[in-house]
Protein backbone atom coordinates (compact mmCIF):
# COMPACT_ATOMS: atom_id res chain seq x y z
CA MET A 1 -18.48 -16.52 25.43
CA GLU A 2 -17.76 -12.80 25.70
CA ARG A 3 -14.08 -11.97 25.90
CA GLU A 4 -12.62 -8.82 27.41
CA SER A 5 -10.79 -6.47 25.09
CA PRO A 6 -7.06 -5.97 25.65
CA SER A 7 -6.20 -3.43 28.33
CA PRO A 8 -4.81 -0.03 27.37
CA LYS A 9 -1.07 0.26 27.87
CA PRO A 10 0.47 3.10 29.90
CA TRP A 11 2.88 3.71 26.99
CA GLU A 12 3.04 3.19 23.25
CA ALA A 13 4.02 -0.35 22.32
CA SER A 14 7.38 -1.53 21.04
CA ASP A 15 7.24 -3.65 17.89
CA GLU A 16 7.15 -6.91 19.87
CA GLU A 17 4.58 -5.55 22.32
CA ALA A 18 2.46 -4.41 19.36
CA VAL A 19 2.49 -7.91 17.88
CA GLU A 20 1.38 -9.40 21.20
CA LEU A 21 -1.32 -6.74 21.58
CA CYS A 22 -2.66 -7.48 18.11
CA ARG A 23 -2.65 -11.21 18.94
CA GLU A 24 -4.84 -10.34 21.93
CA TRP A 25 -7.13 -8.33 19.63
CA MET A 26 -7.46 -11.28 17.25
CA VAL A 27 -8.38 -13.57 20.15
CA TYR A 28 -10.86 -10.99 21.43
CA LEU A 29 -12.44 -10.82 17.97
CA GLY A 30 -12.86 -14.58 17.87
CA ALA A 31 -9.71 -16.08 16.34
CA VAL A 32 -8.89 -17.87 19.59
CA ASP A 33 -6.18 -20.04 18.03
CA THR A 34 -4.02 -17.04 17.03
CA VAL A 35 -0.29 -17.37 17.69
CA VAL A 36 2.73 -15.14 17.18
CA ALA A 37 4.78 -16.34 14.23
CA SER A 38 8.30 -17.52 15.01
CA GLY A 39 11.34 -18.77 13.16
CA ALA A 40 11.15 -18.71 9.37
CA THR A 41 7.40 -18.04 9.51
CA ARG A 42 8.10 -14.63 11.09
CA LEU A 43 9.70 -13.58 7.80
CA LEU A 44 6.29 -14.04 6.15
CA CYS A 45 3.84 -12.70 8.74
CA ASP A 46 3.54 -11.62 12.37
CA LEU A 47 0.48 -13.60 13.48
CA TYR A 48 -1.62 -16.46 12.20
CA SER A 49 -4.64 -18.56 13.08
CA SER A 50 -6.49 -21.31 11.28
CA LEU A 51 -8.46 -18.72 9.27
CA TYR A 52 -6.27 -15.60 9.23
CA VAL A 53 -2.74 -14.43 8.57
CA ALA A 54 -1.83 -11.00 9.94
CA TRP A 55 0.81 -8.30 9.83
CA VAL A 56 1.42 -5.56 12.39
CA ASP A 57 2.61 -2.19 11.09
CA ASN A 58 3.69 -0.34 14.23
CA ARG A 59 5.09 2.69 12.37
CA GLN A 60 3.65 6.16 12.79
CA GLY A 61 3.55 6.78 9.02
CA ASN A 62 0.84 5.91 6.53
CA LEU A 63 0.38 2.37 5.26
CA ASP A 64 1.23 2.11 1.57
CA VAL A 65 0.30 -0.35 -1.16
CA ASP A 66 3.40 -2.57 -0.89
CA VAL A 67 2.30 -4.06 2.45
CA VAL A 68 -1.25 -4.60 1.14
CA GLU A 69 0.05 -6.31 -2.00
CA LYS A 70 2.35 -8.60 0.03
CA ALA A 71 -0.46 -9.52 2.44
CA ALA A 72 -2.93 -10.23 -0.36
CA SER A 73 -0.42 -12.35 -2.26
CA LEU A 74 0.59 -14.49 0.71
CA ALA A 75 -3.00 -14.92 1.93
CA SER A 76 -4.15 -15.92 -1.53
CA ALA A 77 -1.43 -18.56 -1.82
CA ASP A 78 -2.05 -19.76 1.74
CA GLY A 79 -5.87 -19.86 1.63
CA ARG A 80 -6.37 -17.74 4.76
CA ARG A 81 -7.72 -14.20 4.97
CA ALA A 82 -5.34 -11.27 5.39
CA LEU A 83 -5.41 -8.75 8.23
CA ILE A 84 -3.12 -5.75 8.64
CA PHE A 85 -3.02 -3.90 11.96
CA VAL A 86 -1.84 -0.28 11.74
CA THR A 87 -1.21 2.49 14.26
CA GLY A 88 -0.93 5.30 11.75
CA GLY A 89 -2.96 6.30 8.77
CA VAL A 90 -3.62 4.51 5.52
CA ARG A 91 -2.99 6.10 2.14
CA PRO A 92 -6.27 6.24 0.18
CA VAL A 93 -4.75 4.20 -2.66
CA ALA A 94 -3.74 1.50 -0.15
CA GLN A 95 -7.22 1.54 1.38
CA ASP A 96 -8.84 1.14 -2.02
CA LEU A 97 -6.44 -1.68 -2.96
CA ALA A 98 -7.10 -3.45 0.35
CA ASP A 99 -10.84 -3.28 -0.29
CA ALA A 100 -10.38 -4.63 -3.82
CA LEU A 101 -8.07 -7.48 -2.71
CA GLY A 102 -10.06 -8.48 0.38
CA VAL A 103 -7.46 -7.38 2.95
CA ALA A 104 -8.91 -6.15 6.24
CA LEU A 105 -7.22 -3.11 7.77
CA LEU A 106 -7.59 -2.59 11.52
CA ARG A 107 -6.31 0.51 13.32
CA TYR A 108 -5.21 -0.02 16.92
CA GLY A 109 -3.98 2.25 19.68
CA ALA A 110 -1.87 0.67 22.38
CA HIS A 111 -2.05 3.66 24.70
CA GLY A 112 -5.79 4.20 24.27
CA GLY A 113 -6.67 0.50 24.08
CA ASP A 114 -8.84 1.04 21.03
CA LEU A 115 -9.42 -0.81 17.78
CA ASP A 116 -11.46 0.10 14.72
CA GLY A 117 -11.68 -0.75 11.05
CA ALA A 118 -9.52 1.28 8.67
CA ASN A 119 -11.28 0.08 5.51
CA THR A 120 -14.64 -1.45 4.61
CA LEU A 121 -13.63 -5.04 5.37
CA GLY A 122 -11.84 -4.02 8.56
CA ARG A 123 -14.98 -2.28 9.82
CA GLN A 124 -17.09 -5.35 8.97
CA LEU A 125 -14.74 -7.74 10.76
CA HIS A 126 -14.51 -5.46 13.76
CA THR A 127 -18.30 -5.40 14.01
CA LEU A 128 -19.07 -9.02 13.09
CA ARG A 129 -15.99 -10.66 14.71
CA LEU A 130 -13.47 -12.85 12.94
CA ASN A 131 -15.01 -16.32 13.23
CA SER A 132 -18.63 -15.45 12.54
CA GLU A 133 -18.47 -15.64 8.76
């Protein structure tokens, strides 16, 4: 069943709107059981599904290694795959670390309604969809 991609927003997203938008992207990509984390779980991640755990970095700056390390560590302990959604850039060292640790980086634009991979694994998942592995 082909799903429609999330609609572009007429403005840039607040942090909560960004989390909901990225949930919609995960559903669009095939992780249809994705939910927004709440309560104590929200301290660990922003979104999760049966196969993925995800974080949303809605800052305009560049993603650095600390977020990648945290995501990889939690996903490894949990047994799910890690996704990080970013609006800004990604430092090359963070991109290399994400590739090495198996963390998919996905760049989204709320205003433009676009999504693309920000590292090798992110590009693969964007192309192949999340549940087609």
